[in-house]
Amino acid sequence: MERGTKNFLWAGLGFLIGTVGLKAATSETAKKGYVHAMAQGMKAKAGYNDVVEQAKAEFDDMKAEAEFIAVSDKDVEAAEKATKTTRTARATKATK
C-alpha cells in the first residue's frame, strides 16, 4: 500500500473509533455507570470527612487536657513559690 492510502485508512479508523467511543460514552448504560462511580466517590469523601472530624475532635480533647495540666502545674509552682516566700519571711522575722 502506498503511504497516502495508509494515512487515509488510519484517519478513517480513528474517526470510526472516536464516533463509536462517543456513542458508548453517552449511552444510558455508561451514564448509569458514571452516576454509580460518582456516588461511590461521594461516599468515600463522606467517610474521609468523618475520619478527619474524629481526628480533630481527639486532637482538641488532648489539647484541652494538656492546657489543663499546664495551668495546674503553674498553679502548683506559684503555690510553692508563695510558700517559700512565706517561709523566708517568717525566718527573717524570727532572726530579727
PDB file of N, CA and C in Angstrom:
ATOM      1  N   MET A   1       0.834  -1.179   0.000  1.00  0.00           N
ATOM      2  CA  MET A   1       0.000   0.000   0.000  1.00  0.00           C
ATOM      3  C   MET A   1       0.874   1.236   0.000  1.00  0.00           C
ATOM      4  N   GLU A   2       0.315   2.227  -0.562  1.00  0.00           N
ATOM      5  CA  GLU A   2       1.049   3.480  -0.598  1.00  0.00           C
ATOM      6  C   GLU A   2       0.891   4.219   0.735  1.00  0.00           C
ATOM      7  N   ARG A   3       1.780   5.112   0.911  1.00  0.00           N
ATOM      8  CA  ARG A   3       1.787   5.867   2.165  1.00  0.00           C
ATOM      9  C   ARG A   3       0.514   6.678   2.346  1.00  0.00           C
ATOM     10  N   GLY A   4       0.027   7.314   1.337  1.00  0.00           N
ATOM     11  CA  GLY A   4      -1.191   8.126   1.401  1.00  0.00           C
ATOM     12  C   GLY A   4      -2.409   7.277   1.730  1.00  0.00           C
ATOM     13  N   THR A   5      -2.455   6.071   1.200  1.00  0.00           N
ATOM     14  CA  THR A   5      -3.577   5.176   1.471  1.00  0.00           C
ATOM     15  C   THR A   5      -3.558   4.739   2.924  1.00  0.00           C
ATOM     16  N   LYS A   6      -2.379   4.435   3.430  1.00  0.00           N
ATOM     17  CA  LYS A   6      -2.267   4.040   4.836  1.00  0.00           C
ATOM     18  C   LYS A   6      -2.712   5.173   5.751  1.00  0.00           C
ATOM     19  N   ASN A   7      -2.293   6.382   5.443  1.00  0.00           N
ATOM     20  CA  ASN A   7      -2.692   7.537   6.258  1.00  0.00           C
ATOM     21  C   ASN A   7      -4.208   7.725   6.228  1.00  0.00           C
ATOM     22  N   PHE A   8      -4.800   7.548   5.016  1.00  0.00           N
ATOM     23  CA  PHE A   8      -6.240   7.689   4.882  1.00  0.00           C
ATOM     24  C   PHE A   8      -6.963   6.619   5.704  1.00  0.00           C
ATOM     25  N   LEU A   9      -6.472   5.392   5.685  1.00  0.00           N
ATOM     26  CA  LEU A   9      -7.086   4.311   6.459  1.00  0.00           C
ATOM     27  C   LEU A   9      -6.971   4.562   7.962  1.00  0.00           C
ATOM     28  N   TRP A  10      -5.807   5.028   8.379  1.00  0.00           N
ATOM     29  CA  TRP A  10      -5.627   5.336   9.808  1.00  0.00           C
ATOM     30  C   TRP A  10      -6.543   6.470  10.249  1.00  0.00           C
ATOM     31  N   ALA A  11      -6.700   7.476   9.417  1.00  0.00           N
ATOM     32  CA  ALA A  11      -7.596   8.585   9.744  1.00  0.00           C
ATOM     33  C   ALA A  11      -9.038   8.089   9.820  1.00  0.00           C
ATOM     34  N   GLY A  12      -9.427   7.249   8.892  1.00  0.00           N
ATOM     35  CA  GLY A  12     -10.781   6.680   8.900  1.00  0.00           C
ATOM     36  C   GLY A  12     -11.010   5.819  10.129  1.00  0.00           C
ATOM     37  N   LEU A  13     -10.019   5.014  10.481  1.00  0.00           N
ATOM     38  CA  LEU A  13     -10.122   4.169  11.671  1.00  0.00           C
ATOM     39  C   LEU A  13     -10.232   5.021  12.937  1.00  0.00           C
ATOM     40  N   GLY A  14      -9.459   6.080  13.011  1.00  0.00           N
ATOM     41  CA  GLY A  14      -9.520   6.990  14.150  1.00  0.00           C
ATOM     42  C   GLY A  14     -10.882   7.651  14.270  1.00  0.00           C
ATOM     43  N   PHE A  15     -11.441   8.069  13.130  1.00  0.00           N
ATOM     44  CA  PHE A  15     -12.774   8.670  13.127  1.00  0.00           C
ATOM     45  C   PHE A  15     -13.813   7.665  13.583  1.00  0.00           C
ATOM     46  N   LEU A  16     -13.720   6.436  13.089  1.00  0.00           N
ATOM     47  CA  LEU A  16     -14.659   5.386  13.464  1.00  0.00           C
ATOM     48  C   LEU A  16     -14.585   5.079  14.961  1.00  0.00           C
ATOM     49  N   ILE A  17     -13.388   4.939  15.479  1.00  0.00           N
ATOM     50  CA  ILE A  17     -13.204   4.669  16.909  1.00  0.00           C
ATOM     51  C   ILE A  17     -13.719   5.839  17.748  1.00  0.00           C
ATOM     52  N   GLY A  18     -13.445   7.047  17.300  1.00  0.00           N
ATOM     53  CA  GLY A  18     -13.931   8.226  18.014  1.00  0.00           C
ATOM     54  C   GLY A  18     -15.444   8.292  18.045  1.00  0.00           C
ATOM     55  N   THR A  19     -16.075   7.983  16.918  1.00  0.00           N
ATOM     56  CA  THR A  19     -17.536   8.016  16.842  1.00  0.00           C
ATOM     57  C   THR A  19     -18.153   6.936  17.717  1.00  0.00           C
ATOM     58  N   VAL A  20     -17.617   5.723  17.625  1.00  0.00           N
ATOM     59  CA  VAL A  20     -18.126   4.622  18.446  1.00  0.00           C
ATOM     60  C   VAL A  20     -17.862   4.916  19.921  1.00  0.00           C
ATOM     61  N   GLY A  21     -16.704   5.442  20.230  1.00  0.00           N
ATOM     62  CA  GLY A  21     -16.374   5.786  21.614  1.00  0.00           C
ATOM     63  C   GLY A  21     -17.300   6.856  22.158  1.00  0.00           C
ATOM     64  N   LEU A  22     -17.636   7.848  21.342  1.00  0.00           N
ATOM     65  CA  LEU A  22     -18.546   8.908  21.761  1.00  0.00           C
ATOM     66  C   LEU A  22     -19.943   8.344  22.005  1.00  0.00           C
ATOM     67  N   LYS A  23     -20.393   7.483  21.118  1.00  0.00           N
ATOM     68  CA  LYS A  23     -21.709   6.846  21.301  1.00  0.00           C
ATOM     69  C   LYS A  23     -21.717   6.015  22.584  1.00  0.00           C
ATOM     70  N   ALA A  24     -20.646   5.278  22.834  1.00  0.00           N
ATOM     71  CA  ALA A  24     -20.556   4.441  24.037  1.00  0.00           C
ATOM     72  C   ALA A  24     -20.505   5.305  25.295  1.00  0.00           C
ATOM     73  N   ALA A  25     -19.799   6.426  25.214  1.00  0.00           N
ATOM     74  CA  ALA A  25     -19.649   7.294  26.381  1.00  0.00           C
ATOM     75  C   ALA A  25     -20.952   8.007  26.729  1.00  0.00           C
ATOM     76  N   THR A  26     -21.812   8.215  25.752  1.00  0.00           N
ATOM     77  CA  THR A  26     -23.066   8.924  26.009  1.00  0.00           C
ATOM     78  C   THR A  26     -24.270   7.988  26.111  1.00  0.00           C
ATOM     79  N   SER A  27     -24.046   6.692  26.129  1.00  0.00           N
ATOM     80  CA  SER A  27     -25.162   5.744  26.223  1.00  0.00           C
ATOM     81  C   SER A  27     -25.740   5.740  27.631  1.00  0.00           C
ATOM     82  N   GLU A  28     -26.960   5.231  27.760  1.00  0.00           N
ATOM     83  CA  GLU A  28     -27.630   5.155  29.064  1.00  0.00           C
ATOM     84  C   GLU A  28     -26.851   4.280  30.049  1.00  0.00           C
ATOM     85  N   THR A  29     -26.312   3.179  29.573  1.00  0.00           N
ATOM     86  CA  THR A  29     -25.541   2.285  30.438  1.00  0.00           C
ATOM     87  C   THR A  29     -24.309   3.000  30.983  1.00  0.00           C
ATOM     88  N   ALA A  30     -23.638   3.731  30.096  1.00  0.00           N
ATOM     89  CA  ALA A  30     -22.454   4.464  30.529  1.00  0.00           C
ATOM     90  C   ALA A  30     -22.836   5.545  31.544  1.00  0.00           C
ATOM     91  N   LYS A  31     -23.933   6.235  31.292  1.00  0.00           N
ATOM     92  CA  LYS A  31     -24.367   7.281  32.222  1.00  0.00           C
ATOM     93  C   LYS A  31     -24.683   6.695  33.595  1.00  0.00           C
ATOM     94  N   LYS A  32     -25.321   5.537  33.617  1.00  0.00           N
ATOM     95  CA  LYS A  32     -25.593   4.880  34.899  1.00  0.00           C
ATOM     96  C   LYS A  32     -24.291   4.527  35.602  1.00  0.00           C
ATOM     97  N   GLY A  33     -23.313   4.079  34.834  1.00  0.00           N
ATOM     98  CA  GLY A  33     -22.005   3.771  35.410  1.00  0.00           C
ATOM     99  C   GLY A  33     -21.338   5.006  35.987  1.00  0.00           C
ATOM    100  N   TYR A  34     -21.447   6.121  35.272  1.00  0.00           N
ATOM    101  CA  TYR A  34     -20.871   7.371  35.768  1.00  0.00           C
ATOM    102  C   TYR A  34     -21.545   7.799  37.074  1.00  0.00           C
ATOM    103  N   VAL A  35     -22.876   7.652  37.117  1.00  0.00           N
ATOM    104  CA  VAL A  35     -23.615   8.040  38.318  1.00  0.00           C
ATOM    105  C   VAL A  35     -23.184   7.179  39.501  1.00  0.00           C
ATOM    106  N   HIS A  36     -23.060   5.884  39.279  1.00  0.00           N
ATOM    107  CA  HIS A  36     -22.634   4.991  40.365  1.00  0.00           C
ATOM    108  C   HIS A  36     -21.205   5.300  40.809  1.00  0.00           C
ATOM    109  N   ALA A  37     -20.343   5.608  39.855  1.00  0.00           N
ATOM    110  CA  ALA A  37     -18.966   5.963  40.206  1.00  0.00           C
ATOM    111  C   ALA A  37     -18.936   7.248  41.029  1.00  0.00           C
ATOM    112  N   MET A  38     -19.753   8.232  40.640  1.00  0.00           N
ATOM    113  CA  MET A  38     -19.806   9.480  41.396  1.00  0.00           C
ATOM    114  C   MET A  38     -20.365   9.244  42.794  1.00  0.00           C
ATOM    115  N   ALA A  39     -21.376   8.377  42.898  1.00  0.00           N
ATOM    116  CA  ALA A  39     -21.955   8.073  44.216  1.00  0.00           C
ATOM    117  C   ALA A  39     -20.910   7.418  45.111  1.00  0.00           C
ATOM    118  N   GLN A  40     -20.127   6.514  44.578  1.00  0.00           N
ATOM    119  CA  GLN A  40     -19.075   5.871  45.366  1.00  0.00           C
ATOM    120  C   GLN A  40     -18.020   6.890  45.798  1.00  0.00           C
ATOM    121  N   GLY A  41     -17.701   7.807  44.901  1.00  0.00           N
ATOM    122  CA  GLY A  41     -16.757   8.866  45.249  1.00  0.00           C
ATOM    123  C   GLY A  41     -17.272   9.743  46.376  1.00  0.00           C
ATOM    124  N   MET A  42     -18.568  10.054  46.320  1.00  0.00           N
ATOM    125  CA  MET A  42     -19.170  10.877  47.376  1.00  0.00           C
ATOM    126  C   MET A  42     -19.192  10.135  48.706  1.00  0.00           C
ATOM    127  N   LYS A  43     -19.450   8.832  48.659  1.00  0.00           N
ATOM    128  CA  LYS A  43     -19.420   8.033  49.890  1.00  0.00           C
ATOM    129  C   LYS A  43     -18.011   8.013  50.479  1.00  0.00           C
ATOM    130  N   ALA A  44     -17.021   7.858  49.604  1.00  0.00           N
ATOM    131  CA  ALA A  44     -15.635   7.841  50.074  1.00  0.00           C
ATOM    132  C   ALA A  44     -15.270   9.185  50.697  1.00  0.00           C
ATOM    133  N   LYS A  45     -15.704  10.268  50.073  1.00  0.00           N
ATOM    134  CA  LYS A  45     -15.415  11.597  50.604  1.00  0.00           C
ATOM    135  C   LYS A  45     -16.082  11.790  51.963  1.00  0.00           C
ATOM    136  N   ALA A  46     -17.331  11.341  52.096  1.00  0.00           N
ATOM    137  CA  ALA A  46     -18.037  11.466  53.370  1.00  0.00           C
ATOM    138  C   ALA A  46     -17.330  10.655  54.457  1.00  0.00           C
ATOM    139  N   GLY A  47     -16.874   9.462  54.110  1.00  0.00           N
ATOM    140  CA  GLY A  47     -16.132   8.647  55.073  1.00  0.00           C
ATOM    141  C   GLY A  47     -14.836   9.310  55.482  1.00  0.00           C
ATOM    142  N   TYR A  48     -14.143   9.886  54.526  1.00  0.00           N
ATOM    143  CA  TYR A  48     -12.894  10.602  54.805  1.00  0.00           C
ATOM    144  C   TYR A  48     -13.170  11.787  55.731  1.00  0.00           C
ATOM    145  N   ASN A  49     -14.236  12.540  55.434  1.00  0.00           N
ATOM    146  CA  ASN A  49     -14.571  13.693  56.278  1.00  0.00           C
ATOM    147  C   ASN A  49     -14.892  13.256  57.699  1.00  0.00           C
ATOM    148  N   ASP A  50     -15.567  12.126  57.849  1.00  0.00           N
ATOM    149  CA  ASP A  50     -15.865  11.615  59.194  1.00  0.00           C
ATOM    150  C   ASP A  50     -14.582  11.295  59.951  1.00  0.00           C
ATOM    151  N   VAL A  51     -13.647  10.661  59.280  1.00  0.00           N
ATOM    152  CA  VAL A  51     -12.375  10.304  59.920  1.00  0.00           C
ATOM    153  C   VAL A  51     -11.617  11.567  60.325  1.00  0.00           C
ATOM    154  N   VAL A  52     -11.607  12.556  59.449  1.00  0.00           N
ATOM    155  CA  VAL A  52     -10.907  13.809  59.745  1.00  0.00           C
ATOM    156  C   VAL A  52     -11.562  14.518  60.934  1.00  0.00           C
ATOM    157  N   GLU A  53     -12.892  14.549  60.966  1.00  0.00           N
ATOM    158  CA  GLU A  53     -13.590  15.185  62.080  1.00  0.00           C
ATOM    159  C   GLU A  53     -13.292  14.482  63.400  1.00  0.00           C
ATOM    160  N   GLN A  54     -13.254  13.151  63.373  1.00  0.00           N
ATOM    161  CA  GLN A  54     -12.927  12.405  64.588  1.00  0.00           C
ATOM    162  C   GLN A  54     -11.502  12.713  65.050  1.00  0.00           C
ATOM    163  N   ALA A  55     -10.586  12.801  64.103  1.00  0.00           N
ATOM    164  CA  ALA A  55      -9.196  13.110  64.452  1.00  0.00           C
ATOM    165  C   ALA A  55      -9.094  14.511  65.044  1.00  0.00           C
ATOM    166  N   LYS A  56      -9.831  15.460  64.465  1.00  0.00           N
ATOM    167  CA  LYS A  56      -9.818  16.822  65.003  1.00  0.00           C
ATOM    168  C   LYS A  56     -10.382  16.852  66.430  1.00  0.00           C
ATOM    169  N   ALA A  57     -11.456  16.106  66.654  1.00  0.00           N
ATOM    170  CA  ALA A  57     -12.051  16.059  67.993  1.00  0.00           C
ATOM    171  C   ALA A  57     -11.072  15.459  68.995  1.00  0.00           C
ATOM    172  N   GLU A  58     -10.391  14.387  68.617  1.00  0.00           N
ATOM    173  CA  GLU A  58      -9.397  13.772  69.504  1.00  0.00           C
ATOM    174  C   GLU A  58      -8.274  14.760  69.807  1.00  0.00           C
ATOM    175  N   PHE A  59      -7.808  15.462  68.781  1.00  0.00           N
ATOM    176  CA  PHE A  59      -6.747  16.442  68.973  1.00  0.00           C
ATOM    177  C   PHE A  59      -7.198  17.544  69.920  1.00  0.00           C
ATOM    178  N   ASP A  60      -8.430  18.044  69.720  1.00  0.00           N
ATOM    179  CA  ASP A  60      -8.937  19.096  70.599  1.00  0.00           C
ATOM    180  C   ASP A  60      -9.022  18.618  72.047  1.00  0.00           C
ATOM    181  N   ASP A  61      -9.455  17.369  72.242  1.00  0.00           N
ATOM    182  CA  ASP A  61      -9.519  16.816  73.596  1.00  0.00           C
ATOM    183  C   ASP A  61      -8.129  16.746  74.232  1.00  0.00           C
ATOM    184  N   MET A  62      -7.156  16.258  73.472  1.00  0.00           N
ATOM    185  CA  MET A  62      -5.790  16.154  74.002  1.00  0.00           C
ATOM    186  C   MET A  62      -5.219  17.530  74.298  1.00  0.00           C
ATOM    187  N   LYS A  63      -5.508  18.497  73.422  1.00  0.00           N
ATOM    188  CA  LYS A  63      -5.004  19.855  73.625  1.00  0.00           C
ATOM    189  C   LYS A  63      -5.607  20.464  74.888  1.00  0.00           C
ATOM    190  N   ALA A  64      -6.907  20.275  75.082  1.00  0.00           N
ATOM    191  CA  ALA A  64      -7.564  20.819  76.275  1.00  0.00           C
ATOM    192  C   ALA A  64      -6.994  20.185  77.534  1.00  0.00           C
ATOM    193  N   GLU A  65      -6.763  18.880  77.501  1.00  0.00           N
ATOM    194  CA  GLU A  65      -6.201  18.200  78.661  1.00  0.00           C
ATOM    195  C   GLU A  65      -4.783  18.694  78.948  1.00  0.00           C
ATOM    196  N   ALA A  66      -3.994  18.889  77.891  1.00  0.00           N
ATOM    197  CA  ALA A  66      -2.627  19.386  78.069  1.00  0.00           C
ATOM    198  C   ALA A  66      -2.633  20.801  78.641  1.00  0.00           C
ATOM    199  N   GLU A  67      -3.545  21.644  78.164  1.00  0.00           N
ATOM    200  CA  GLU A  67      -3.641  23.005  78.706  1.00  0.00           C
ATOM    201  C   GLU A  67      -4.049  22.982  80.170  1.00  0.00           C
ATOM    202  N   PHE A  68      -4.960  22.075  80.534  1.00  0.00           N
ATOM    203  CA  PHE A  68      -5.375  21.953  81.934  1.00  0.00           C
ATOM    204  C   PHE A  68      -4.197  21.550  82.809  1.00  0.00           C
ATOM    205  N   ILE A  69      -3.417  20.592  82.325  1.00  0.00           N
ATOM    206  CA  ILE A  69      -2.248  20.144  83.087  1.00  0.00           C
ATOM    207  C   ILE A  69      -1.232  21.271  83.211  1.00  0.00           C
ATOM    208  N   ALA A  70      -1.025  22.019  82.119  1.00  0.00           N
ATOM    209  CA  ALA A  70      -0.055  23.114  82.151  1.00  0.00           C
ATOM    210  C   ALA A  70      -0.486  24.192  83.140  1.00  0.00           C
ATOM    211  N   VAL A  71      -1.772  24.521  83.141  1.00  0.00           N
ATOM    212  CA  VAL A  71      -2.273  25.536  84.079  1.00  0.00           C
ATOM    213  C   VAL A  71      -2.176  25.021  85.504  1.00  0.00           C
ATOM    214  N   SER A  72      -2.491  23.750  85.705  1.00  0.00           N
ATOM    215  CA  SER A  72      -2.397  23.166  87.050  1.00  0.00           C
ATOM    216  C   SER A  72      -0.955  23.200  87.541  1.00  0.00           C
ATOM    217  N   ASP A  73      -0.011  22.880  86.652  1.00  0.00           N
ATOM    218  CA  ASP A  73       1.401  22.921  87.034  1.00  0.00           C
ATOM    219  C   ASP A  73       1.826  24.339  87.407  1.00  0.00           C
ATOM    220  N   LYS A  74       1.335  25.335  86.677  1.00  0.00           N
ATOM    221  CA  LYS A  74       1.668  26.718  87.005  1.00  0.00           C
ATOM    222  C   LYS A  74       1.114  27.097  88.374  1.00  0.00           C
ATOM    223  N   ASP A  75      -0.107  26.644  88.656  1.00  0.00           N
ATOM    224  CA  ASP A  75      -0.703  26.930  89.963  1.00  0.00           C
ATOM    225  C   ASP A  75       0.103  26.286  91.081  1.00  0.00           C
ATOM    226  N   VAL A  76       0.552  25.065  90.873  1.00  0.00           N
ATOM    227  CA  VAL A  76       1.356  24.366  91.883  1.00  0.00           C
ATOM    228  C   VAL A  76       2.678  25.105  92.083  1.00  0.00           C
ATOM    229  N   GLU A  77       3.313  25.504  90.982  1.00  0.00           N
ATOM    230  CA  GLU A  77       4.581  26.225  91.085  1.00  0.00           C
ATOM    231  C   GLU A  77       4.386  27.565  91.814  1.00  0.00           C
ATOM    232  N   ALA A  78       3.291  28.249  91.505  1.00  0.00           N
ATOM    233  CA  ALA A  78       3.025  29.527  92.169  1.00  0.00           C
ATOM    234  C   ALA A  78       2.781  29.317  93.660  1.00  0.00           C
ATOM    235  N   ALA A  79       2.075  28.265  94.008  1.00  0.00           N
ATOM    236  CA  ALA A  79       1.814  27.977  95.423  1.00  0.00           C
ATOM    237  C   ALA A  79       3.116  27.632  96.132  1.00  0.00           C
ATOM    238  N   GLU A  80       3.963  26.850  95.495  1.00  0.00           N
ATOM    239  CA  GLU A  80       5.253  26.501  96.103  1.00  0.00           C
ATOM    240  C   GLU A  80       6.114  27.738  96.286  1.00  0.00           C
ATOM    241  N   LYS A  81       6.096  28.607  95.290  1.00  0.00           N
ATOM    242  CA  LYS A  81       6.886  29.841  95.381  1.00  0.00           C
ATOM    243  C   LYS A  81       6.355  30.721  96.515  1.00  0.00           C
ATOM    244  N   ALA A  82       5.050  30.808  96.645  1.00  0.00           N
ATOM    245  CA  ALA A  82       4.454  31.606  97.716  1.00  0.00           C
ATOM    246  C   ALA A  82       4.801  31.012  99.079  1.00  0.00           C
ATOM    247  N   THR A  83       4.792  29.699  99.174  1.00  0.00           N
ATOM    248  CA  THR A  83       5.145  29.034 100.428  1.00  0.00           C
ATOM    249  C   THR A  83       6.593  29.317 100.790  1.00  0.00           C
ATOM    250  N   LYS A  84       7.484  29.231  99.810  1.00  0.00           N
ATOM    251  CA  LYS A  84       8.899  29.514 100.062  1.00  0.00           C
ATOM    252  C   LYS A  84       9.087  30.959 100.504  1.00  0.00           C
ATOM    253  N   THR A  85       8.362  31.872  99.842  1.00  0.00           N
ATOM    254  CA  THR A  85       8.467  33.286 100.205  1.00  0.00           C
ATOM    255  C   THR A  85       7.974  33.501 101.626  1.00  0.00           C
ATOM    256  N   THR A  86       6.882  32.862 101.988  1.00  0.00           N
ATOM    257  CA  THR A  86       6.335  32.992 103.340  1.00  0.00           C
ATOM    258  C   THR A  86       7.307  32.418 104.366  1.00  0.00           C
ATOM    259  N   ARG A  87       7.900  31.270 104.074  1.00  0.00           N
ATOM    260  CA  ARG A  87       8.877  30.664 104.999  1.00  0.00           C
ATOM    261  C   ARG A  87      10.088  31.565 105.166  1.00  0.00           C
ATOM    262  N   THR A  88      10.542  32.144 104.053  1.00  0.00           N
ATOM    263  CA  THR A  88      11.711  33.028 104.119  1.00  0.00           C
ATOM    264  C   THR A  88      11.373  34.263 104.957  1.00  0.00           C
ATOM    265  N   ALA A  89      10.180  34.801 104.767  1.00  0.00           N
ATOM    266  CA  ALA A  89       9.775  35.998 105.542  1.00  0.00           C
ATOM    267  C   ALA A  89       9.665  35.655 107.023  1.00  0.00           C
ATOM    268  N   ARG A  90       9.117  34.507 107.343  1.00  0.00           N
ATOM    269  CA  ARG A  90       8.999  34.091 108.750  1.00  0.00           C
ATOM    270  C   ARG A  90      10.381  33.876 109.360  1.00  0.00           C
ATOM    271  N   ALA A  91      11.271  33.257 108.588  1.00  0.00           N
ATOM    272  CA  ALA A  91      12.615  33.017 109.099  1.00  0.00           C
ATOM    273  C   ALA A  91      13.348  34.323 109.319  1.00  0.00           C
ATOM    274  N   THR A  92      13.128  35.281 108.440  1.00  0.00           N
ATOM    275  CA  THR A  92      13.778  36.581 108.591  1.00  0.00           C
ATOM    276  C   THR A  92      13.246  37.296 109.819  1.00  0.00           C
ATOM    277  N   LYS A  93      11.956  37.244 110.057  1.00  0.00           N
ATOM    278  CA  LYS A  93      11.348  37.889 111.224  1.00  0.00           C
ATOM    279  C   LYS A  93      11.804  37.214 112.504  1.00  0.00           C
ATOM    280  N   ALA A  94      11.966  35.908 112.455  1.00  0.00           N
ATOM    281  CA  ALA A  94      12.367  35.174 113.643  1.00  0.00           C
ATOM    282  C   ALA A  94      13.808  35.497 114.021  1.00  0.00           C
ATOM    283  N   THR A  95      14.633  35.772 113.061  1.00  0.00           N
ATOM    284  CA  THR A  95      16.039  36.075 113.371  1.00  0.00           C
ATOM    285  C   THR A  95      16.233  37.515 113.831  1.00  0.00           C
ATOM    286  N   LYS A  96      15.256  38.360 113.602  1.00  0.00           N
ATOM    287  CA  LYS A  96      15.396  39.767 113.992  1.00  0.00           C
ATOM    288  C   LYS A  96      15.090  39.950 115.411  1.00  0.00           C
TER     289      LYS A  96
END
